[in-house]
Each structure stands twice: as structure tokens, then as C-alpha cells.
N, C-alpha and C. Protein backbone atom coordinates (compact mmCIF):
# COMPACT_ATOMS: atom_id res chain seq x y z
N MET A 1 -57.28 10.57 -9.63
CA MET A 1 -56.36 11.48 -8.98
C MET A 1 -54.96 10.88 -8.92
N SER A 2 -54.85 9.58 -8.68
CA SER A 2 -53.54 8.96 -8.56
C SER A 2 -52.80 8.94 -9.89
N THR A 3 -53.53 8.85 -11.01
CA THR A 3 -52.85 8.90 -12.31
C THR A 3 -52.33 10.29 -12.58
N ARG A 4 -53.03 11.33 -12.11
CA ARG A 4 -52.56 12.70 -12.28
C ARG A 4 -51.26 12.91 -11.49
N ILE A 5 -51.21 12.39 -10.26
CA ILE A 5 -50.00 12.51 -9.44
C ILE A 5 -48.85 11.73 -10.08
N ALA A 6 -49.15 10.57 -10.61
CA ALA A 6 -48.11 9.77 -11.26
C ALA A 6 -47.59 10.49 -12.50
N SER A 7 -48.46 11.11 -13.27
CA SER A 7 -48.04 11.84 -14.47
C SER A 7 -47.17 13.04 -14.11
N VAL A 8 -47.59 13.79 -13.11
CA VAL A 8 -46.81 14.96 -12.68
C VAL A 8 -45.45 14.51 -12.15
N THR A 9 -45.43 13.46 -11.37
CA THR A 9 -44.18 12.94 -10.83
C THR A 9 -43.26 12.49 -11.95
N PHE A 10 -43.82 11.83 -12.96
CA PHE A 10 -43.02 11.38 -14.10
C PHE A 10 -42.40 12.58 -14.83
N PHE A 11 -43.18 13.62 -15.09
CA PHE A 11 -42.67 14.79 -15.82
C PHE A 11 -41.62 15.54 -15.00
N VAL A 12 -41.82 15.63 -13.69
CA VAL A 12 -40.85 16.32 -12.84
C VAL A 12 -39.54 15.54 -12.80
N LEU A 13 -39.62 14.24 -12.65
CA LEU A 13 -38.40 13.43 -12.62
C LEU A 13 -37.68 13.45 -13.96
N THR A 14 -38.42 13.44 -15.05
CA THR A 14 -37.82 13.53 -16.38
C THR A 14 -37.09 14.86 -16.56
N ALA A 15 -37.72 15.94 -16.12
CA ALA A 15 -37.09 17.26 -16.23
C ALA A 15 -35.82 17.34 -15.39
N LEU A 16 -35.87 16.78 -14.19
CA LEU A 16 -34.68 16.77 -13.33
C LEU A 16 -33.56 15.94 -13.95
N LEU A 17 -33.88 14.81 -14.51
CA LEU A 17 -32.88 13.97 -15.15
C LEU A 17 -32.24 14.67 -16.34
N GLN A 18 -33.05 15.31 -17.16
CA GLN A 18 -32.52 16.02 -18.33
C GLN A 18 -31.62 17.18 -17.91
N SER A 19 -32.03 17.92 -16.88
CA SER A 19 -31.21 19.05 -16.44
C SER A 19 -29.90 18.57 -15.81
N SER A 20 -29.93 17.42 -15.12
CA SER A 20 -28.68 16.91 -14.54
C SER A 20 -27.75 16.39 -15.63
N LEU A 21 -28.30 15.83 -16.71
CA LEU A 21 -27.46 15.38 -17.82
C LEU A 21 -26.80 16.56 -18.52
N VAL A 22 -27.53 17.66 -18.68
CA VAL A 22 -26.96 18.86 -19.29
C VAL A 22 -25.86 19.40 -18.40
N TRP A 23 -26.09 19.44 -17.08
CA TRP A 23 -25.07 19.94 -16.15
C TRP A 23 -23.83 19.05 -16.19
N ALA A 24 -24.02 17.74 -16.24
CA ALA A 24 -22.89 16.81 -16.24
C ALA A 24 -22.07 16.95 -17.51
N SER A 25 -22.71 17.24 -18.65
CA SER A 25 -21.94 17.38 -19.88
C SER A 25 -21.13 18.67 -19.88
N ASP A 26 -21.55 19.68 -19.10
CA ASP A 26 -20.81 20.94 -19.01
C ASP A 26 -19.73 20.91 -17.93
N ALA A 27 -19.70 19.89 -17.12
CA ALA A 27 -18.72 19.81 -16.03
C ALA A 27 -17.32 19.64 -16.60
N PRO A 28 -16.33 20.29 -15.98
CA PRO A 28 -14.95 20.14 -16.47
C PRO A 28 -14.44 18.72 -16.27
N ARG A 29 -13.64 18.27 -17.19
CA ARG A 29 -13.06 16.94 -17.12
C ARG A 29 -11.80 16.99 -16.27
N LEU A 30 -11.58 15.94 -15.48
CA LEU A 30 -10.37 15.85 -14.67
C LEU A 30 -9.20 15.39 -15.54
N SER A 31 -8.03 15.92 -15.26
CA SER A 31 -6.85 15.53 -16.04
C SER A 31 -6.28 14.20 -15.56
N HIS A 32 -6.67 13.76 -14.38
CA HIS A 32 -6.19 12.49 -13.86
C HIS A 32 -7.26 11.89 -12.94
N ASN A 33 -7.11 10.64 -12.64
CA ASN A 33 -8.02 9.95 -11.74
C ASN A 33 -7.54 10.21 -10.31
N PRO A 34 -8.34 10.88 -9.47
CA PRO A 34 -7.88 11.19 -8.12
C PRO A 34 -7.77 9.97 -7.21
N PHE A 35 -8.28 8.81 -7.64
CA PHE A 35 -8.24 7.62 -6.81
C PHE A 35 -7.09 6.68 -7.17
N THR A 36 -6.29 7.02 -8.15
CA THR A 36 -5.14 6.18 -8.47
C THR A 36 -4.01 6.49 -7.52
N ARG A 37 -3.21 5.49 -7.24
CA ARG A 37 -2.06 5.68 -6.35
C ARG A 37 -0.93 6.34 -7.13
N PRO A 38 -0.20 7.23 -6.50
CA PRO A 38 0.92 7.86 -7.21
C PRO A 38 2.02 6.84 -7.47
N PRO A 39 2.80 7.06 -8.52
CA PRO A 39 3.89 6.11 -8.79
C PRO A 39 4.89 6.13 -7.65
N SER A 40 5.38 4.96 -7.30
CA SER A 40 6.33 4.84 -6.21
C SER A 40 7.72 4.63 -6.78
N GLU A 41 8.63 5.46 -6.35
CA GLU A 41 10.01 5.32 -6.79
C GLU A 41 10.89 5.09 -5.57
N ALA A 42 11.90 4.29 -5.74
CA ALA A 42 12.81 4.01 -4.63
C ALA A 42 13.63 5.24 -4.34
N THR A 43 13.55 5.72 -3.10
CA THR A 43 14.35 6.86 -2.70
C THR A 43 15.48 6.43 -1.77
N VAL A 44 15.39 5.21 -1.27
CA VAL A 44 16.42 4.70 -0.38
C VAL A 44 17.13 3.56 -1.11
N PRO A 45 18.45 3.65 -1.27
CA PRO A 45 19.15 2.58 -1.97
C PRO A 45 19.10 1.28 -1.16
N THR A 46 19.07 0.17 -1.87
CA THR A 46 19.07 -1.13 -1.21
C THR A 46 20.41 -1.36 -0.53
N SER A 47 20.34 -1.83 0.68
CA SER A 47 21.56 -2.07 1.45
C SER A 47 22.19 -3.38 1.03
N THR A 48 23.49 -3.38 0.84
CA THR A 48 24.20 -4.62 0.57
C THR A 48 25.27 -4.83 1.63
N GLN A 49 25.09 -4.22 2.79
CA GLN A 49 26.02 -4.36 3.90
C GLN A 49 25.69 -5.62 4.68
N PRO A 50 26.71 -6.28 5.24
CA PRO A 50 26.40 -7.46 6.07
C PRO A 50 25.63 -7.04 7.31
N GLY A 51 24.61 -7.81 7.65
CA GLY A 51 23.84 -7.56 8.87
C GLY A 51 24.55 -8.12 10.07
N ARG A 52 23.91 -8.03 11.23
CA ARG A 52 24.51 -8.54 12.47
C ARG A 52 24.71 -10.04 12.41
N ASP A 53 23.89 -10.72 11.61
CA ASP A 53 24.02 -12.17 11.53
C ASP A 53 25.01 -12.60 10.45
N GLY A 54 25.68 -11.64 9.79
CA GLY A 54 26.71 -11.96 8.80
C GLY A 54 26.18 -12.18 7.41
N VAL A 55 24.86 -12.18 7.22
CA VAL A 55 24.27 -12.38 5.90
C VAL A 55 24.22 -11.04 5.18
N THR A 56 24.64 -11.03 3.92
CA THR A 56 24.58 -9.79 3.15
C THR A 56 23.13 -9.46 2.87
N GLN A 57 22.77 -8.21 3.16
CA GLN A 57 21.39 -7.77 2.99
C GLN A 57 21.16 -7.33 1.54
N GLU A 58 20.25 -7.99 0.88
CA GLU A 58 19.84 -7.60 -0.46
C GLU A 58 18.44 -7.02 -0.41
N LEU A 59 17.92 -6.80 0.77
CA LEU A 59 16.55 -6.37 0.95
C LEU A 59 16.51 -4.95 1.50
N ASP A 60 15.47 -4.22 1.14
CA ASP A 60 15.28 -2.85 1.58
C ASP A 60 13.97 -2.79 2.36
N LEU A 61 14.03 -2.99 3.68
CA LEU A 61 12.84 -2.94 4.51
C LEU A 61 12.49 -1.48 4.75
N ARG A 62 11.35 -1.06 4.22
CA ARG A 62 10.95 0.34 4.32
C ARG A 62 9.96 0.59 5.45
N ALA A 63 9.06 -0.37 5.69
CA ALA A 63 8.03 -0.17 6.71
C ALA A 63 7.44 -1.52 7.11
N THR A 64 6.84 -1.53 8.29
CA THR A 64 6.11 -2.70 8.74
C THR A 64 4.74 -2.25 9.24
N MET A 65 3.78 -3.14 9.19
CA MET A 65 2.45 -2.86 9.73
C MET A 65 1.99 -4.09 10.50
N VAL A 66 1.69 -3.87 11.76
CA VAL A 66 1.24 -4.97 12.61
C VAL A 66 -0.17 -4.62 13.07
N ALA A 67 -1.14 -5.40 12.64
CA ALA A 67 -2.53 -5.23 13.05
C ALA A 67 -2.96 -6.52 13.75
N SER A 68 -4.15 -6.50 14.29
CA SER A 68 -4.60 -7.66 15.05
C SER A 68 -4.71 -8.91 14.18
N ASN A 69 -5.13 -8.75 12.93
CA ASN A 69 -5.33 -9.93 12.08
C ASN A 69 -4.25 -10.13 11.03
N SER A 70 -3.48 -9.11 10.73
CA SER A 70 -2.49 -9.29 9.67
C SER A 70 -1.22 -8.51 9.98
N LYS A 71 -0.13 -9.02 9.44
CA LYS A 71 1.17 -8.38 9.59
C LYS A 71 1.75 -8.28 8.19
N LEU A 72 2.21 -7.08 7.83
CA LEU A 72 2.75 -6.82 6.50
C LEU A 72 4.08 -6.11 6.61
N ALA A 73 4.90 -6.27 5.57
CA ALA A 73 6.17 -5.56 5.48
C ALA A 73 6.30 -5.00 4.07
N ASN A 74 6.85 -3.79 3.98
CA ASN A 74 7.12 -3.18 2.68
C ASN A 74 8.60 -3.37 2.41
N VAL A 75 8.91 -4.20 1.42
CA VAL A 75 10.29 -4.51 1.08
C VAL A 75 10.54 -4.00 -0.34
N GLY A 76 11.31 -2.94 -0.43
CA GLY A 76 11.62 -2.38 -1.74
C GLY A 76 10.41 -1.90 -2.50
N GLY A 77 9.36 -1.45 -1.80
CA GLY A 77 8.15 -0.99 -2.44
C GLY A 77 7.11 -2.06 -2.66
N ARG A 78 7.42 -3.29 -2.32
CA ARG A 78 6.49 -4.41 -2.47
C ARG A 78 5.95 -4.82 -1.11
N THR A 79 4.65 -4.98 -0.99
CA THR A 79 4.03 -5.38 0.27
C THR A 79 3.98 -6.90 0.33
N VAL A 80 4.55 -7.47 1.41
CA VAL A 80 4.61 -8.92 1.56
C VAL A 80 4.07 -9.33 2.92
N ARG A 81 3.66 -10.58 3.00
CA ARG A 81 3.14 -11.19 4.24
C ARG A 81 4.08 -12.30 4.67
N PRO A 82 4.01 -12.71 5.93
CA PRO A 82 4.81 -13.86 6.34
C PRO A 82 4.53 -15.06 5.45
N GLY A 83 5.61 -15.70 5.00
CA GLY A 83 5.52 -16.83 4.08
C GLY A 83 5.84 -16.46 2.64
N ASP A 84 5.80 -15.16 2.31
CA ASP A 84 6.12 -14.71 0.95
C ASP A 84 7.63 -14.68 0.74
N ASP A 85 8.05 -14.90 -0.50
CA ASP A 85 9.47 -14.86 -0.87
C ASP A 85 9.80 -13.54 -1.54
N VAL A 86 10.98 -12.99 -1.17
CA VAL A 86 11.49 -11.77 -1.77
C VAL A 86 12.97 -11.96 -2.02
N HIS A 87 13.39 -11.96 -3.26
CA HIS A 87 14.80 -12.10 -3.65
C HIS A 87 15.45 -13.33 -3.00
N GLY A 88 14.71 -14.41 -2.91
CA GLY A 88 15.26 -15.64 -2.34
C GLY A 88 15.14 -15.73 -0.83
N TYR A 89 14.64 -14.70 -0.18
CA TYR A 89 14.42 -14.71 1.27
C TYR A 89 12.94 -14.96 1.54
N THR A 90 12.63 -15.69 2.60
CA THR A 90 11.25 -15.92 3.01
C THR A 90 10.98 -15.09 4.26
N LEU A 91 9.92 -14.31 4.22
CA LEU A 91 9.53 -13.51 5.38
C LEU A 91 8.93 -14.43 6.44
N LEU A 92 9.54 -14.44 7.63
CA LEU A 92 9.07 -15.30 8.71
C LEU A 92 8.15 -14.57 9.68
N GLN A 93 8.62 -13.42 10.19
CA GLN A 93 7.88 -12.70 11.21
C GLN A 93 7.97 -11.21 10.94
N VAL A 94 6.92 -10.48 11.38
CA VAL A 94 6.89 -9.02 11.25
C VAL A 94 6.59 -8.43 12.62
N PHE A 95 7.40 -7.48 13.03
CA PHE A 95 7.21 -6.76 14.28
C PHE A 95 7.06 -5.28 13.96
N GLU A 96 6.78 -4.45 14.96
CA GLU A 96 6.59 -3.03 14.72
C GLU A 96 7.84 -2.34 14.19
N ASP A 97 9.01 -2.81 14.59
CA ASP A 97 10.25 -2.13 14.20
C ASP A 97 11.20 -3.00 13.37
N ARG A 98 10.80 -4.23 13.05
CA ARG A 98 11.71 -5.13 12.33
C ARG A 98 10.94 -6.25 11.65
N ALA A 99 11.65 -6.94 10.76
CA ALA A 99 11.11 -8.12 10.09
C ALA A 99 12.21 -9.17 10.05
N VAL A 100 11.82 -10.43 10.19
CA VAL A 100 12.77 -11.53 10.21
C VAL A 100 12.58 -12.35 8.94
N PHE A 101 13.67 -12.56 8.21
CA PHE A 101 13.67 -13.33 6.97
C PHE A 101 14.56 -14.54 7.14
N SER A 102 14.37 -15.54 6.28
CA SER A 102 15.27 -16.69 6.27
C SER A 102 15.65 -16.99 4.83
N ARG A 103 16.86 -17.53 4.72
CA ARG A 103 17.36 -18.01 3.43
C ARG A 103 18.18 -19.25 3.75
N GLY A 104 17.65 -20.39 3.37
CA GLY A 104 18.33 -21.62 3.74
C GLY A 104 18.23 -21.80 5.24
N ASP A 105 19.38 -22.00 5.91
CA ASP A 105 19.38 -22.16 7.36
C ASP A 105 19.79 -20.88 8.08
N LYS A 106 19.94 -19.77 7.35
CA LYS A 106 20.33 -18.50 7.97
C LYS A 106 19.13 -17.59 8.14
N ARG A 107 19.17 -16.79 9.21
CA ARG A 107 18.12 -15.81 9.49
C ARG A 107 18.68 -14.41 9.35
N LEU A 108 17.83 -13.51 8.86
CA LEU A 108 18.21 -12.11 8.66
C LEU A 108 17.15 -11.24 9.30
N THR A 109 17.56 -10.38 10.22
CA THR A 109 16.65 -9.45 10.88
C THR A 109 16.94 -8.05 10.36
N LEU A 110 15.95 -7.42 9.77
CA LEU A 110 16.08 -6.06 9.26
C LEU A 110 15.23 -5.13 10.11
N TYR A 111 15.75 -3.95 10.40
CA TYR A 111 15.06 -2.97 11.22
C TYR A 111 14.57 -1.81 10.37
N THR A 112 13.41 -1.26 10.73
CA THR A 112 12.93 -0.06 10.06
C THR A 112 13.55 1.18 10.68
N LYS A 113 13.96 1.06 11.91
CA LYS A 113 14.64 2.13 12.63
C LYS A 113 16.11 1.74 12.74
N PRO A 114 16.98 2.65 13.13
CA PRO A 114 18.38 2.26 13.32
C PRO A 114 18.53 1.09 14.27
N ASP A 115 19.51 0.26 14.00
CA ASP A 115 19.79 -0.92 14.81
C ASP A 115 19.95 -0.48 16.27
N PRO A 116 19.22 -1.11 17.22
CA PRO A 116 19.30 -0.68 18.62
C PRO A 116 20.69 -0.83 19.22
N GLU A 117 21.54 -1.70 18.70
CA GLU A 117 22.87 -1.89 19.24
C GLU A 117 23.87 -0.88 18.69
N GLU A 118 23.49 -0.17 17.62
CA GLU A 118 24.41 0.82 17.04
C GLU A 118 24.27 2.12 17.80
N GLY A 119 25.38 2.74 18.10
CA GLY A 119 25.36 4.03 18.76
C GLY A 119 25.18 5.15 17.75
N ASP A 120 24.83 6.35 18.24
CA ASP A 120 24.71 7.50 17.35
C ASP A 120 26.09 7.92 16.91
N GLU A 121 26.26 8.07 15.64
CA GLU A 121 27.56 8.46 15.10
C GLU A 121 27.48 9.83 14.50
């Protein structure tokens, strides 16, 4: 009796596999991979204005992410961590609204939001 059940099970599974292969071959093909990231283009020009500390900004801080275990900054479309170098600047610290960089003995603080000391113009 057990060989009969095994034979029936084998034939049923084979039929299901064949029908699924036929269905898969008839399925429409996707024109793109839905899991790829879209291309990123710079929409905000890089600032070359002097910051509050007098250092000319060559960096474009777009966003920051502060989590319990990691802190990241998006600089010109590139994701960096504290200790990484970007255009000669080293990322020191990341906060929710700003990131602190160093170059030589100078520090540069960039904000993701308008500078808190600047008034609305």
C-alpha cells in the first residue's frame, strides 16, 4: 500500500511541477528589475560658500541618519560613516541635523536644515 501512495504522490508532484513550468514560461517578462535602486542624480548644487567657521564648503550634506548602533551621513549622494574621508574632509560626528568634518586643524559643521543662527529671509 505504501508503494502505491508513493507512486501516486510522485505522479501528482510531477504533474504539478510540469504545469507550473508551463505557466512560468507563459508569464510576461519584466522590463526592469524592481529591486534595483533608481539612479541618483544631484538635484542640489554643491555649496562653495564659506561656513560659520570660515572654511569653504566643498561638501553637499543631504541627509543624516542616527541609529542606536550606527551613524551615517549622505554627502553628495555618497553614504559615509565617521572616520571616512570625503574630498579631503574626515567625517568626525553625525547628529540628527548636522555633521562635523575636519580638514587639517579646522572643523566644518554642515547642517541638513537651515543654519539655526540664520534668520528667515
